[in-house]
Amino acid sequence: MTQAILILITILAAFLSGDAWLGYDIVYQTAYGALTMMAAMISLTFLWLWARRATPLALGMSFTWAGASSVLGWWWVYRLMEAPAAMVDSAALFVFLALYFCGAVLHFAVIGRSFGAPRLSFLMPVLGAVSVSVLIQIVF
């Protein structure tokens, strides 16, 4: 945990220093681009682990990181291209969100199996999250 906190503090300090010296946009764009590419690499690593049957969580991790990379990449390109009309309210984003969502559902399925929960009970947190999100949309 100490190492993780030190890494977090170091990265935050680098971002804040970069913001002060280079400006928000360059730091934001650089970080988003790097994170998009790192997420894709992590996704491929987990896909490889899944193919080797190394861990039951690997496929969920691969889908989750692929979804994260795709969604981050979407917004990175969107910002780099200064909000192109083709990307505004585009249903193409749903492909990447579905990938991300699928990874989350796979995670809950593995967690449910690990706890010996009834077969479809893993869907409860998924349905709960969707319900809360809908409720927030209605309220705000």
C-alpha atoms as a PDB file:
ATOM      1  CA  MET A   1       0.000   0.000   0.000  1.00  0.00           C
ATOM      2  CA  THR A   2       2.865   2.372   0.770  1.00  0.00           C
ATOM      3  CA  GLN A   3       4.267   1.907  -2.732  1.00  0.00           C
ATOM      4  CA  ALA A   4       0.862   2.595  -4.297  1.00  0.00           C
ATOM      5  CA  ILE A   5       0.424   5.793  -2.264  1.00  0.00           C
ATOM      6  CA  LEU A   6       3.920   6.984  -3.199  1.00  0.00           C
ATOM      7  CA  ILE A   7       3.241   6.298  -6.880  1.00  0.00           C
ATOM      8  CA  LEU A   8      -0.080   8.164  -6.633  1.00  0.00           C
ATOM      9  CA  ILE A   9       1.559  11.172  -4.953  1.00  0.00           C
ATOM     10  CA  THR A  10       4.377  11.217  -7.526  1.00  0.00           C
ATOM     11  CA  ILE A  11       1.975  11.080 -10.475  1.00  0.00           C
ATOM     12  CA  LEU A  12      -0.284  13.750  -8.974  1.00  0.00           C
ATOM     13  CA  ALA A  13       2.747  15.986  -8.364  1.00  0.00           C
ATOM     14  CA  ALA A  14       3.848  15.476 -11.979  1.00  0.00           C
ATOM     15  CA  PHE A  15       0.364  16.375 -13.259  1.00  0.00           C
ATOM     16  CA  LEU A  16       0.116  19.476 -11.081  1.00  0.00           C
ATOM     17  CA  SER A  17       3.647  20.591 -12.003  1.00  0.00           C
ATOM     18  CA  GLY A  18       2.912  20.007 -15.674  1.00  0.00           C
ATOM     19  CA  ASP A  19      -0.291  22.006 -15.356  1.00  0.00           C
ATOM     20  CA  ALA A  20       1.594  24.917 -13.783  1.00  0.00           C
ATOM     21  CA  TRP A  21       4.409  24.869 -16.361  1.00  0.00           C
ATOM     22  CA  LEU A  22       2.787  23.667 -19.573  1.00  0.00           C
ATOM     23  CA  GLY A  23      -0.915  24.258 -19.059  1.00  0.00           C
ATOM     24  CA  TYR A  24      -3.930  22.088 -18.440  1.00  0.00           C
ATOM     25  CA  ASP A  25      -4.612  21.037 -22.026  1.00  0.00           C
ATOM     26  CA  ILE A  26      -1.186  19.551 -22.784  1.00  0.00           C
ATOM     27  CA  VAL A  27      -1.116  17.611 -19.503  1.00  0.00           C
ATOM     28  CA  TYR A  28      -4.705  16.411 -19.938  1.00  0.00           C
ATOM     29  CA  GLN A  29      -4.180  15.309 -23.544  1.00  0.00           C
ATOM     30  CA  THR A  30      -0.862  13.609 -22.797  1.00  0.00           C
ATOM     31  CA  ALA A  31      -2.273  11.777 -19.781  1.00  0.00           C
ATOM     32  CA  TYR A  32      -5.431  10.689 -21.626  1.00  0.00           C
ATOM     33  CA  GLY A  33      -3.428   9.443 -24.604  1.00  0.00           C
ATOM     34  CA  ALA A  34      -0.945   7.547 -22.450  1.00  0.00           C
ATOM     35  CA  LEU A  35      -3.703   6.024 -20.319  1.00  0.00           C
ATOM     36  CA  THR A  36      -5.631   4.970 -23.429  1.00  0.00           C
ATOM     37  CA  MET A  37      -2.588   3.123 -24.743  1.00  0.00           C
ATOM     38  CA  MET A  38      -1.676   1.594 -21.363  1.00  0.00           C
ATOM     39  CA  ALA A  39      -5.248   0.341 -20.923  1.00  0.00           C
ATOM     40  CA  ALA A  40      -5.088  -1.333 -24.343  1.00  0.00           C
ATOM     41  CA  MET A  41      -1.800  -3.029 -23.400  1.00  0.00           C
ATOM     42  CA  ILE A  42      -3.248  -4.205 -20.077  1.00  0.00           C
ATOM     43  CA  SER A  43      -6.317  -5.551 -21.902  1.00  0.00           C
ATOM     44  CA  LEU A  44      -4.139  -7.563 -24.272  1.00  0.00           C
ATOM     45  CA  THR A  45      -2.117  -8.900 -21.338  1.00  0.00           C
ATOM     46  CA  PHE A  46      -5.287 -10.131 -19.641  1.00  0.00           C
ATOM     47  CA  LEU A  47      -6.522 -11.623 -22.917  1.00  0.00           C
ATOM     48  CA  TRP A  48      -3.250 -13.565 -23.116  1.00  0.00           C
ATOM     49  CA  LEU A  49      -3.672 -14.697 -19.480  1.00  0.00           C
ATOM     50  CA  TRP A  50      -7.218 -15.825 -20.261  1.00  0.00           C
ATOM     51  CA  ALA A  51      -5.978 -17.812 -23.282  1.00  0.00           C
ATOM     52  CA  ARG A  52      -3.466 -19.520 -20.975  1.00  0.00           C
ATOM     53  CA  ARG A  53      -6.248 -20.159 -18.443  1.00  0.00           C
ATOM     54  CA  ALA A  54      -4.186 -18.408 -15.769  1.00  0.00           C
ATOM     55  CA  THR A  55      -7.089 -16.884 -13.824  1.00  0.00           C
ATOM     56  CA  PRO A  56     -10.892 -16.890 -14.082  1.00  0.00           C
ATOM     57  CA  LEU A  57     -10.942 -13.083 -13.776  1.00  0.00           C
ATOM     58  CA  ALA A  58      -8.735 -12.621 -16.842  1.00  0.00           C
ATOM     59  CA  LEU A  59     -11.511 -12.421 -19.443  1.00  0.00           C
ATOM     60  CA  GLY A  60     -13.473  -9.901 -17.376  1.00  0.00           C
ATOM     61  CA  MET A  61     -10.300  -7.886 -16.856  1.00  0.00           C
ATOM     62  CA  SER A  62      -9.549  -7.991 -20.578  1.00  0.00           C
ATOM     63  CA  PHE A  63     -13.039  -6.769 -21.505  1.00  0.00           C
ATOM     64  CA  THR A  64     -12.973  -4.111 -18.782  1.00  0.00           C
ATOM     65  CA  TRP A  65      -9.589  -2.714 -19.790  1.00  0.00           C
ATOM     66  CA  ALA A  66     -10.516  -2.889 -23.496  1.00  0.00           C
ATOM     67  CA  GLY A  67     -13.678  -0.948 -22.710  1.00  0.00           C
ATOM     68  CA  ALA A  68     -11.755   1.559 -20.613  1.00  0.00           C
ATOM     69  CA  SER A  69      -9.199   2.016 -23.369  1.00  0.00           C
ATOM     70  CA  SER A  70     -11.902   2.451 -25.995  1.00  0.00           C
ATOM     71  CA  VAL A  71     -13.983   4.941 -24.008  1.00  0.00           C
ATOM     72  CA  LEU A  72     -10.901   6.909 -22.932  1.00  0.00           C
ATOM     73  CA  GLY A  73      -9.643   6.814 -26.517  1.00  0.00           C
ATOM     74  CA  TRP A  74     -12.993   8.074 -27.789  1.00  0.00           C
ATOM     75  CA  TRP A  75     -12.906  11.129 -25.535  1.00  0.00           C
ATOM     76  CA  TRP A  76      -9.190  11.681 -26.191  1.00  0.00           C
ATOM     77  CA  VAL A  77      -9.759  11.768 -29.963  1.00  0.00           C
ATOM     78  CA  TYR A  78     -12.940  13.810 -29.465  1.00  0.00           C
ATOM     79  CA  ARG A  79     -10.974  16.471 -27.626  1.00  0.00           C
ATOM     80  CA  LEU A  80      -7.956  16.328 -29.953  1.00  0.00           C
ATOM     81  CA  MET A  81     -10.225  16.838 -32.953  1.00  0.00           C
ATOM     82  CA  GLU A  82     -12.086  19.647 -31.164  1.00  0.00           C
ATOM     83  CA  ALA A  83     -15.466  17.902 -30.871  1.00  0.00           C
ATOM     84  CA  PRO A  84     -16.112  16.749 -34.441  1.00  0.00           C
ATOM     85  CA  ALA A  85     -19.784  16.637 -35.370  1.00  0.00           C
ATOM     86  CA  ALA A  86     -19.554  12.925 -36.247  1.00  0.00           C
ATOM     87  CA  MET A  87     -18.652  12.108 -32.631  1.00  0.00           C
ATOM     88  CA  VAL A  88     -21.318  14.251 -30.957  1.00  0.00           C
ATOM     89  CA  ASP A  89     -24.151  12.006 -29.723  1.00  0.00           C
ATOM     90  CA  SER A  90     -22.787   9.159 -31.841  1.00  0.00           C
ATOM     91  CA  ALA A  91     -24.219   5.695 -31.249  1.00  0.00           C
ATOM     92  CA  ALA A  92     -20.779   4.307 -32.156  1.00  0.00           C
ATOM     93  CA  LEU A  93     -19.708   5.091 -28.581  1.00  0.00           C
ATOM     94  CA  PHE A  94     -22.203   2.441 -27.410  1.00  0.00           C
ATOM     95  CA  VAL A  95     -19.970  -0.264 -28.926  1.00  0.00           C
ATOM     96  CA  PHE A  96     -17.180   0.751 -26.549  1.00  0.00           C
ATOM     97  CA  LEU A  97     -19.530   1.234 -23.603  1.00  0.00           C
ATOM     98  CA  ALA A  98     -20.947  -2.260 -24.237  1.00  0.00           C
ATOM     99  CA  LEU A  99     -17.423  -3.695 -24.136  1.00  0.00           C
ATOM    100  CA  TYR A 100     -16.769  -1.897 -20.847  1.00  0.00           C
ATOM    101  CA  PHE A 101     -20.150  -2.939 -19.428  1.00  0.00           C
ATOM    102  CA  CYS A 102     -19.570  -6.565 -20.439  1.00  0.00           C
ATOM    103  CA  GLY A 103     -16.289  -6.571 -18.499  1.00  0.00           C
ATOM    104  CA  ALA A 104     -18.071  -5.321 -15.395  1.00  0.00           C
ATOM    105  CA  VAL A 105     -20.798  -7.974 -15.706  1.00  0.00           C
ATOM    106  CA  LEU A 106     -18.148 -10.697 -16.136  1.00  0.00           C
ATOM    107  CA  HIS A 107     -16.440  -9.445 -12.971  1.00  0.00           C
ATOM    108  CA  PHE A 108     -19.647  -9.697 -10.967  1.00  0.00           C
ATOM    109  CA  ALA A 109     -20.248 -13.204 -12.351  1.00  0.00           C
ATOM    110  CA  VAL A 110     -16.815 -14.387 -11.164  1.00  0.00           C
ATOM    111  CA  ILE A 111     -17.261 -12.675  -7.792  1.00  0.00           C
ATOM    112  CA  GLY A 112     -20.665 -14.345  -7.411  1.00  0.00           C
ATOM    113  CA  ARG A 113     -19.204 -17.779  -8.209  1.00  0.00           C
ATOM    114  CA  SER A 114     -16.369 -17.153  -5.743  1.00  0.00           C
ATOM    115  CA  PHE A 115     -18.900 -16.545  -2.966  1.00  0.00           C
ATOM    116  CA  GLY A 116     -21.037 -19.506  -4.026  1.00  0.00           C
ATOM    117  CA  ALA A 117     -23.981 -17.179  -4.657  1.00  0.00           C
ATOM    118  CA  PRO A 118     -27.063 -18.407  -6.546  1.00  0.00           C
ATOM    119  CA  ARG A 119     -26.526 -18.498 -10.308  1.00  0.00           C
ATOM    120  CA  LEU A 120     -27.970 -15.155 -11.479  1.00  0.00           C
ATOM    121  CA  SER A 121     -27.640 -13.227  -8.212  1.00  0.00           C
ATOM    122  CA  PHE A 122     -24.491 -11.563  -9.587  1.00  0.00           C
ATOM    123  CA  LEU A 123     -26.848  -9.421 -11.673  1.00  0.00           C
ATOM    124  CA  MET A 124     -28.184  -7.689  -8.545  1.00  0.00           C
ATOM    125  CA  PRO A 125     -25.313  -5.145  -8.274  1.00  0.00           C
ATOM    126  CA  VAL A 126     -25.508  -4.567 -12.042  1.00  0.00           C
ATOM    127  CA  LEU A 127     -29.250  -3.904 -11.916  1.00  0.00           C
ATOM    128  CA  GLY A 128     -28.738  -1.811  -8.780  1.00  0.00           C
ATOM    129  CA  ALA A 129     -26.129   0.364 -10.488  1.00  0.00           C
ATOM    130  CA  VAL A 130     -28.314   0.817 -13.574  1.00  0.00           C
ATOM    131  CA  SER A 131     -31.322   1.665 -11.383  1.00  0.00           C
ATOM    132  CA  VAL A 132     -29.398   4.273  -9.375  1.00  0.00           C
ATOM    133  CA  SER A 133     -28.044   5.766 -12.605  1.00  0.00           C
ATOM    134  CA  VAL A 134     -31.565   6.017 -14.051  1.00  0.00           C
ATOM    135  CA  LEU A 135     -32.834   7.574 -10.829  1.00  0.00           C
ATOM    136  CA  ILE A 136     -30.042  10.177 -10.878  1.00  0.00           C
ATOM    137  CA  GLN A 137     -30.906  10.994 -14.513  1.00  0.00           C
ATOM    138  CA  ILE A 138     -34.551  11.498 -13.533  1.00  0.00           C
ATOM    139  CA  VAL A 139     -33.724  13.686 -10.523  1.00  0.00           C
ATOM    140  CA  PHE A 140     -31.153  15.853 -12.279  1.00  0.00           C
END
